[in-house]
Amino acid sequence: MTTPPPAPFPYTEFDGRPATEADLRIPAFLGYGHFTAMQVRDGRVRGLDLHLARLDAASQELFERGLDGDRVRALVRHALDGAGVRDASVRVHGFLPSEDAETTVMVTVRGPARKSAEPHALMSVPYARTVP
């Protein structure tokens, strides 16, 4: 059995199915949602529990309903399989298209981030988000 070739990047799914043009109008015109970004290496994510907790908390705050971590985990796994990769940069976006709808989850997959050989210089600054 041969492995299918990787999908072209970026690869996007909505609720576990490849994105359509109509789907992409949701984030383009709704403009109200939240996301988390993660690096996947060999199918694993460092701190995944923290990403899932943040997504759930943001959904509670914005939409007054949670976002199930098992659902998100399955959707990310599905998108990685659809893209045919085990190493990637992944974003998980939560949107609420209407008040009576379940939270729509968009997962985008693109090539993994590369570490810079240059040293980083950082400075802390006080900041607090007003909403997720």
C-alpha atoms as a PDB file:
ATOM      1  CA  MET A   1       0.000   0.000   0.000  1.00  0.00           C
ATOM      2  CA  THR A   2       1.394   3.399  -0.955  1.00  0.00           C
ATOM      3  CA  THR A   3       1.027   6.566   1.061  1.00  0.00           C
ATOM      4  CA  PRO A   4      -0.932   9.348  -0.678  1.00  0.00           C
ATOM      5  CA  PRO A   5       1.085  12.434  -1.567  1.00  0.00           C
ATOM      6  CA  PRO A   6       0.842  15.322   0.898  1.00  0.00           C
ATOM      7  CA  ALA A   7      -1.931  17.844   0.298  1.00  0.00           C
ATOM      8  CA  PRO A   8      -0.820  21.277  -0.923  1.00  0.00           C
ATOM      9  CA  PHE A   9      -0.146  23.776   1.845  1.00  0.00           C
ATOM     10  CA  PRO A  10      -1.887  25.411   3.481  1.00  0.00           C
ATOM     11  CA  TYR A  11      -4.462  22.654   3.982  1.00  0.00           C
ATOM     12  CA  THR A  12      -7.724  23.655   5.692  1.00  0.00           C
ATOM     13  CA  GLU A  13     -10.622  21.670   7.112  1.00  0.00           C
ATOM     14  CA  PHE A  14     -13.903  22.778   8.694  1.00  0.00           C
ATOM     15  CA  ASP A  15     -15.372  20.367  11.223  1.00  0.00           C
ATOM     16  CA  GLY A  16     -13.383  17.487   9.713  1.00  0.00           C
ATOM     17  CA  ARG A  17     -13.999  18.064   5.999  1.00  0.00           C
ATOM     18  CA  PRO A  18     -11.937  19.927   3.405  1.00  0.00           C
ATOM     19  CA  ALA A  19     -12.799  23.631   3.336  1.00  0.00           C
ATOM     20  CA  THR A  20     -15.023  24.983   0.601  1.00  0.00           C
ATOM     21  CA  GLU A  21     -15.177  28.532  -0.689  1.00  0.00           C
ATOM     22  CA  ALA A  22     -18.356  29.049   1.354  1.00  0.00           C
ATOM     23  CA  ASP A  23     -16.605  27.806   4.513  1.00  0.00           C
ATOM     24  CA  LEU A  24     -13.796  30.304   4.069  1.00  0.00           C
ATOM     25  CA  ARG A  25     -16.327  33.143   4.132  1.00  0.00           C
ATOM     26  CA  ILE A  26     -16.946  32.423   7.826  1.00  0.00           C
ATOM     27  CA  PRO A  27     -13.577  33.707   9.083  1.00  0.00           C
ATOM     28  CA  ALA A  28     -13.320  36.265   6.289  1.00  0.00           C
ATOM     29  CA  PHE A  29     -16.606  37.999   7.117  1.00  0.00           C
ATOM     30  CA  LEU A  30     -17.593  36.881  10.607  1.00  0.00           C
ATOM     31  CA  GLY A  31     -14.465  38.277  12.248  1.00  0.00           C
ATOM     32  CA  TYR A  32     -15.438  36.916  15.657  1.00  0.00           C
ATOM     33  CA  GLY A  33     -13.683  33.888  17.032  1.00  0.00           C
ATOM     34  CA  HIS A  34     -10.547  32.623  18.714  1.00  0.00           C
ATOM     35  CA  PHE A  35      -7.614  30.378  17.897  1.00  0.00           C
ATOM     36  CA  THR A  36      -4.529  28.648  19.156  1.00  0.00           C
ATOM     37  CA  ALA A  37      -1.397  27.835  17.188  1.00  0.00           C
ATOM     38  CA  MET A  38       0.847  24.838  17.755  1.00  0.00           C
ATOM     39  CA  GLN A  39       3.815  23.020  16.318  1.00  0.00           C
ATOM     40  CA  VAL A  40       3.328  19.332  15.591  1.00  0.00           C
ATOM     41  CA  ARG A  41       6.373  17.073  15.509  1.00  0.00           C
ATOM     42  CA  ASP A  42       5.991  13.386  14.690  1.00  0.00           C
ATOM     43  CA  GLY A  43       2.242  13.721  15.332  1.00  0.00           C
ATOM     44  CA  ARG A  44       2.737  15.146  18.844  1.00  0.00           C
ATOM     45  CA  VAL A  45       2.186  18.601  20.349  1.00  0.00           C
ATOM     46  CA  ARG A  46       4.055  19.891  23.361  1.00  0.00           C
ATOM     47  CA  GLY A  47       1.574  21.340  25.872  1.00  0.00           C
ATOM     48  CA  LEU A  48      -1.503  20.087  24.001  1.00  0.00           C
ATOM     49  CA  ASP A  49      -3.509  20.035  27.228  1.00  0.00           C
ATOM     50  CA  LEU A  50      -2.834  23.771  27.643  1.00  0.00           C
ATOM     51  CA  HIS A  51      -3.951  24.512  24.060  1.00  0.00           C
ATOM     52  CA  LEU A  52      -7.158  22.515  24.594  1.00  0.00           C
ATOM     53  CA  ALA A  53      -7.870  24.240  27.919  1.00  0.00           C
ATOM     54  CA  ARG A  54      -7.332  27.663  26.318  1.00  0.00           C
ATOM     55  CA  LEU A  55      -9.697  26.826  23.445  1.00  0.00           C
ATOM     56  CA  ASP A  56     -12.352  25.627  25.877  1.00  0.00           C
ATOM     57  CA  ALA A  57     -11.987  28.710  28.111  1.00  0.00           C
ATOM     58  CA  ALA A  58     -12.123  31.090  25.124  1.00  0.00           C
ATOM     59  CA  SER A  59     -15.258  29.375  23.794  1.00  0.00           C
ATOM     60  CA  GLN A  60     -16.862  29.642  27.228  1.00  0.00           C
ATOM     61  CA  GLU A  61     -16.012  33.332  27.411  1.00  0.00           C
ATOM     62  CA  LEU A  62     -17.001  34.281  23.861  1.00  0.00           C
ATOM     63  CA  PHE A  63     -19.853  31.892  23.094  1.00  0.00           C
ATOM     64  CA  GLU A  64     -21.026  30.732  26.539  1.00  0.00           C
ATOM     65  CA  ARG A  65     -20.372  27.110  25.558  1.00  0.00           C
ATOM     66  CA  GLY A  66     -17.287  24.955  25.830  1.00  0.00           C
ATOM     67  CA  LEU A  67     -15.213  23.349  23.110  1.00  0.00           C
ATOM     68  CA  ASP A  68     -14.605  19.662  23.783  1.00  0.00           C
ATOM     69  CA  GLY A  69     -10.908  18.764  23.843  1.00  0.00           C
ATOM     70  CA  ASP A  70     -11.492  15.261  22.450  1.00  0.00           C
ATOM     71  CA  ARG A  71     -13.350  16.768  19.478  1.00  0.00           C
ATOM     72  CA  VAL A  72     -10.515  19.228  18.817  1.00  0.00           C
ATOM     73  CA  ARG A  73      -7.888  16.490  19.138  1.00  0.00           C
ATOM     74  CA  ALA A  74      -9.773  14.311  16.629  1.00  0.00           C
ATOM     75  CA  LEU A  75     -10.186  17.229  14.186  1.00  0.00           C
ATOM     76  CA  VAL A  76      -6.474  18.088  14.349  1.00  0.00           C
ATOM     77  CA  ARG A  77      -5.532  14.440  13.808  1.00  0.00           C
ATOM     78  CA  HIS A  78      -7.944  14.257  10.855  1.00  0.00           C
ATOM     79  CA  ALA A  79      -6.508  17.412   9.262  1.00  0.00           C
ATOM     80  CA  LEU A  80      -2.936  16.136   9.668  1.00  0.00           C
ATOM     81  CA  ASP A  81      -3.956  12.859   8.014  1.00  0.00           C
ATOM     82  CA  GLY A  82      -5.727  14.806   5.240  1.00  0.00           C
ATOM     83  CA  ALA A  83      -2.607  16.863   4.637  1.00  0.00           C
ATOM     84  CA  GLY A  84      -0.496  13.697   4.761  1.00  0.00           C
ATOM     85  CA  VAL A  85       2.012  15.070   7.278  1.00  0.00           C
ATOM     86  CA  ARG A  86       3.284  14.376  10.804  1.00  0.00           C
ATOM     87  CA  ASP A  87       5.285  17.607  11.216  1.00  0.00           C
ATOM     88  CA  ALA A  88       3.393  20.874  10.742  1.00  0.00           C
ATOM     89  CA  SER A  89       2.325  24.274  12.002  1.00  0.00           C
ATOM     90  CA  VAL A  90      -1.337  23.921  12.999  1.00  0.00           C
ATOM     91  CA  ARG A  91      -3.914  26.528  13.924  1.00  0.00           C
ATOM     92  CA  VAL A  92      -7.258  25.657  15.468  1.00  0.00           C
ATOM     93  CA  HIS A  93      -9.920  28.374  15.116  1.00  0.00           C
ATOM     94  CA  GLY A  94     -13.306  28.436  16.854  1.00  0.00           C
ATOM     95  CA  PHE A  95     -16.246  30.340  15.313  1.00  0.00           C
ATOM     96  CA  LEU A  96     -19.924  30.535  16.146  1.00  0.00           C
ATOM     97  CA  PRO A  97     -21.784  31.127  12.871  1.00  0.00           C
ATOM     98  CA  SER A  98     -25.161  31.500  14.625  1.00  0.00           C
ATOM     99  CA  GLU A  99     -26.497  31.420  18.172  1.00  0.00           C
ATOM    100  CA  ASP A 100     -28.140  28.008  17.771  1.00  0.00           C
ATOM    101  CA  ALA A 101     -25.159  26.358  16.037  1.00  0.00           C
ATOM    102  CA  GLU A 102     -22.380  24.248  17.490  1.00  0.00           C
ATOM    103  CA  THR A 103     -18.959  25.911  17.497  1.00  0.00           C
ATOM    104  CA  THR A 104     -17.417  25.561  14.050  1.00  0.00           C
ATOM    105  CA  VAL A 105     -13.807  24.415  14.193  1.00  0.00           C
ATOM    106  CA  MET A 106     -11.395  25.319  11.407  1.00  0.00           C
ATOM    107  CA  VAL A 107      -8.016  23.558  11.399  1.00  0.00           C
ATOM    108  CA  THR A 108      -5.262  24.876   9.138  1.00  0.00           C
ATOM    109  CA  VAL A 109      -2.104  22.886   8.442  1.00  0.00           C
ATOM    110  CA  ARG A 110       1.025  24.271   6.859  1.00  0.00           C
ATOM    111  CA  GLY A 111       4.712  23.459   6.823  1.00  0.00           C
ATOM    112  CA  PRO A 112       6.464  23.266  10.185  1.00  0.00           C
ATOM    113  CA  ALA A 113       8.223  26.340  11.525  1.00  0.00           C
ATOM    114  CA  ARG A 114      11.997  26.245  11.326  1.00  0.00           C
ATOM    115  CA  LYS A 115      14.136  27.324  14.243  1.00  0.00           C
ATOM    116  CA  SER A 116      16.323  30.312  13.567  1.00  0.00           C
ATOM    117  CA  ALA A 117      20.061  29.892  13.984  1.00  0.00           C
ATOM    118  CA  GLU A 118      20.202  33.503  15.244  1.00  0.00           C
ATOM    119  CA  PRO A 119      19.959  34.125  19.007  1.00  0.00           C
ATOM    120  CA  HIS A 120      16.755  35.786  20.217  1.00  0.00           C
ATOM    121  CA  ALA A 121      16.600  38.929  22.328  1.00  0.00           C
ATOM    122  CA  LEU A 122      13.379  39.409  24.287  1.00  0.00           C
ATOM    123  CA  MET A 123      11.941  42.063  26.535  1.00  0.00           C
ATOM    124  CA  SER A 124       8.856  41.635  28.682  1.00  0.00           C
ATOM    125  CA  VAL A 125       6.077  44.214  28.484  1.00  0.00           C
ATOM    126  CA  PRO A 126       2.825  44.416  30.466  1.00  0.00           C
ATOM    127  CA  TYR A 127      -0.187  43.435  28.372  1.00  0.00           C
ATOM    128  CA  ALA A 128      -3.601  41.877  28.932  1.00  0.00           C
ATOM    129  CA  ARG A 129      -6.056  40.832  26.245  1.00  0.00           C
ATOM    130  CA  THR A 130      -9.539  42.216  26.687  1.00  0.00           C
ATOM    131  CA  VAL A 131     -11.114  39.104  25.110  1.00  0.00           C
ATOM    132  CA  PRO A 132      -9.725  35.884  23.601  1.00  0.00           C
END
